[in-house]
Every structure is written in C-alpha cells, then in structure tokens.
C-alpha cells in the first residue's frame, strides 16, 4: 500500500466512524454495535498511521518505503508514548 492508498483508507475509516456515530444518534444501531465496530476501526486506524509513519521514516532516511510492513494491532497498541 502506498502513501496515497493509506491516506485514502484512513479517510474512509474516519468517515465510517462518523457514520456510526450518526447511526447511533438516529437509532439505526445500538450502542453495543457502535462500540464493537468503533473498537475495530480504532485498531485498524492505529495500524494505518503506524504504516504511514514507517513509510515516511524509511523515505526520510534513504530506505525503500515499500519495505514498511503492517504490524499487528497488539504491537501497535503496545507502544508507549
């Protein structure tokens, strides 16, 4: 996945988050459904942002950005700030 594809995927997931919140507020879905899907989206978003950061770092330091790989959600979620 190149940078533009990653950014497009991030945009689509953010749009889906908004749609879930709208669906909940209008009563089309229940809170459990919203929370389950939001938790999945948040993990996937974290993975996309991590991949994007990897690609940018590789490019900045003269490496091939295509060598960046999606890391598991457990690994990405385990990072400490």
C-alpha atoms as a PDB file:
ATOM      1  CA  UNK A   1       0.000   0.000   0.000  1.00  0.00           C
ATOM      2  CA  UNK A   2       1.485   3.364  -0.961  1.00  0.00           C
ATOM      3  CA  UNK A   3       1.066   6.623   0.931  1.00  0.00           C
ATOM      4  CA  UNK A   4      -1.952   7.775  -1.056  1.00  0.00           C
ATOM      5  CA  UNK A   5      -3.726   4.447  -0.554  1.00  0.00           C
ATOM      6  CA  UNK A   6      -3.040   4.563   3.178  1.00  0.00           C
ATOM      7  CA  UNK A   7      -4.383   8.113   3.431  1.00  0.00           C
ATOM      8  CA  UNK A   8      -7.473   7.132   1.417  1.00  0.00           C
ATOM      9  CA  UNK A   9      -8.080   4.196   3.766  1.00  0.00           C
ATOM     10  CA  UNK A  10      -7.684   6.463   6.808  1.00  0.00           C
ATOM     11  CA  UNK A  11     -10.197   8.918   5.330  1.00  0.00           C
ATOM     12  CA  UNK A  12     -12.665   6.095   4.645  1.00  0.00           C
ATOM     13  CA  UNK A  13     -12.362   4.812   8.216  1.00  0.00           C
ATOM     14  CA  UNK A  14     -12.847   8.290   9.694  1.00  0.00           C
ATOM     15  CA  UNK A  15     -15.947   8.663   7.515  1.00  0.00           C
ATOM     16  CA  UNK A  16     -17.180   5.292   8.774  1.00  0.00           C
ATOM     17  CA  UNK A  17     -16.626   6.431  12.376  1.00  0.00           C
ATOM     18  CA  UNK A  18     -18.781   9.491  11.710  1.00  0.00           C
ATOM     19  CA  UNK A  19     -21.419   7.311  10.082  1.00  0.00           C
ATOM     20  CA  UNK A  20     -21.513   5.009  13.094  1.00  0.00           C
ATOM     21  CA  UNK A  21     -21.965   7.931  15.456  1.00  0.00           C
ATOM     22  CA  UNK A  22     -24.762   9.313  13.265  1.00  0.00           C
ATOM     23  CA  UNK A  23     -26.404   5.875  13.074  1.00  0.00           C
ATOM     24  CA  UNK A  24     -26.321   5.595  16.859  1.00  0.00           C
ATOM     25  CA  UNK A  25     -27.767   9.052  17.411  1.00  0.00           C
ATOM     26  CA  UNK A  26     -30.587   8.378  14.946  1.00  0.00           C
ATOM     27  CA  UNK A  27     -31.357   4.994  16.478  1.00  0.00           C
ATOM     28  CA  UNK A  28     -30.388   2.883  13.453  1.00  0.00           C
ATOM     29  CA  UNK A  29     -27.858   0.918  15.520  1.00  0.00           C
ATOM     30  CA  UNK A  30     -27.455   0.223  19.211  1.00  0.00           C
ATOM     31  CA  UNK A  31     -24.584   1.256  21.433  1.00  0.00           C
ATOM     32  CA  UNK A  32     -23.046  -2.226  21.557  1.00  0.00           C
ATOM     33  CA  UNK A  33     -22.883  -2.404  17.766  1.00  0.00           C
ATOM     34  CA  UNK A  34     -21.337   1.048  17.594  1.00  0.00           C
ATOM     35  CA  UNK A  35     -18.750   0.307  20.284  1.00  0.00           C
ATOM     36  CA  UNK A  36     -17.726  -3.022  18.744  1.00  0.00           C
ATOM     37  CA  UNK A  37     -17.236  -1.509  15.312  1.00  0.00           C
ATOM     38  CA  UNK A  38     -15.500   1.602  16.686  1.00  0.00           C
ATOM     39  CA  UNK A  39     -13.021  -0.547  18.617  1.00  0.00           C
ATOM     40  CA  UNK A  40     -12.158  -2.416  15.421  1.00  0.00           C
ATOM     41  CA  UNK A  41     -11.810   0.826  13.458  1.00  0.00           C
ATOM     42  CA  UNK A  42      -9.553   2.361  16.100  1.00  0.00           C
ATOM     43  CA  UNK A  43      -7.183  -0.616  15.955  1.00  0.00           C
ATOM     44  CA  UNK A  44      -7.111  -0.517  12.168  1.00  0.00           C
ATOM     45  CA  UNK A  45      -6.558   3.257  12.161  1.00  0.00           C
ATOM     46  CA  UNK A  46      -3.634   2.861  14.541  1.00  0.00           C
ATOM     47  CA  UNK A  47      -2.128   0.279  12.182  1.00  0.00           C
ATOM     48  CA  UNK A  48      -2.561   2.578   9.177  1.00  0.00           C
ATOM     49  CA  UNK A  49      -0.982   5.535  10.970  1.00  0.00           C
ATOM     50  CA  UNK A  50       1.900   3.304  12.066  1.00  0.00           C
ATOM     51  CA  UNK A  51       2.429   2.084   8.496  1.00  0.00           C
ATOM     52  CA  UNK A  52       2.347   5.646   7.212  1.00  0.00           C
ATOM     53  CA  UNK A  53       4.944   6.723   9.807  1.00  0.00           C
ATOM     54  CA  UNK A  54       7.144   3.759   8.882  1.00  0.00           C
ATOM     55  CA  UNK A  55       6.975   4.640   5.185  1.00  0.00           C
ATOM     56  CA  UNK A  56       7.800   8.287   5.832  1.00  0.00           C
ATOM     57  CA  UNK A  57      10.722   7.391   8.117  1.00  0.00           C
ATOM     58  CA  UNK A  58      12.157   4.969   5.567  1.00  0.00           C
ATOM     59  CA  UNK A  59      11.888   7.572   2.804  1.00  0.00           C
ATOM     60  CA  UNK A  60      13.482  10.231   5.019  1.00  0.00           C
ATOM     61  CA  UNK A  61      16.484   8.025   5.730  1.00  0.00           C
ATOM     62  CA  UNK A  62      17.007   6.844   2.148  1.00  0.00           C
ATOM     63  CA  UNK A  63      15.399   3.440   2.564  1.00  0.00           C
ATOM     64  CA  UNK A  64      12.672   1.919   0.416  1.00  0.00           C
ATOM     65  CA  UNK A  65       9.250   2.877   1.838  1.00  0.00           C
ATOM     66  CA  UNK A  66       7.795  -0.251   0.220  1.00  0.00           C
ATOM     67  CA  UNK A  67       9.712  -2.287   2.807  1.00  0.00           C
ATOM     68  CA  UNK A  68       7.395  -0.990   5.548  1.00  0.00           C
ATOM     69  CA  UNK A  69       5.007  -3.629   6.830  1.00  0.00           C
ATOM     70  CA  UNK A  70       1.721  -3.591   8.705  1.00  0.00           C
ATOM     71  CA  UNK A  71       2.392  -4.514  12.298  1.00  0.00           C
ATOM     72  CA  UNK A  72      -0.071  -6.428  14.443  1.00  0.00           C
ATOM     73  CA  UNK A  73      -2.600  -4.382  16.354  1.00  0.00           C
ATOM     74  CA  UNK A  74      -1.169  -5.817  19.582  1.00  0.00           C
ATOM     75  CA  UNK A  75       2.277  -4.474  18.696  1.00  0.00           C
ATOM     76  CA  UNK A  76       0.984  -1.069  17.622  1.00  0.00           C
ATOM     77  CA  UNK A  77      -1.351  -0.769  20.615  1.00  0.00           C
ATOM     78  CA  UNK A  78       1.518  -1.693  22.944  1.00  0.00           C
ATOM     79  CA  UNK A  79       3.621   1.371  22.099  1.00  0.00           C
ATOM     80  CA  UNK A  80       4.279   3.710  24.971  1.00  0.00           C
ATOM     81  CA  UNK A  81       4.381   7.466  24.411  1.00  0.00           C
END
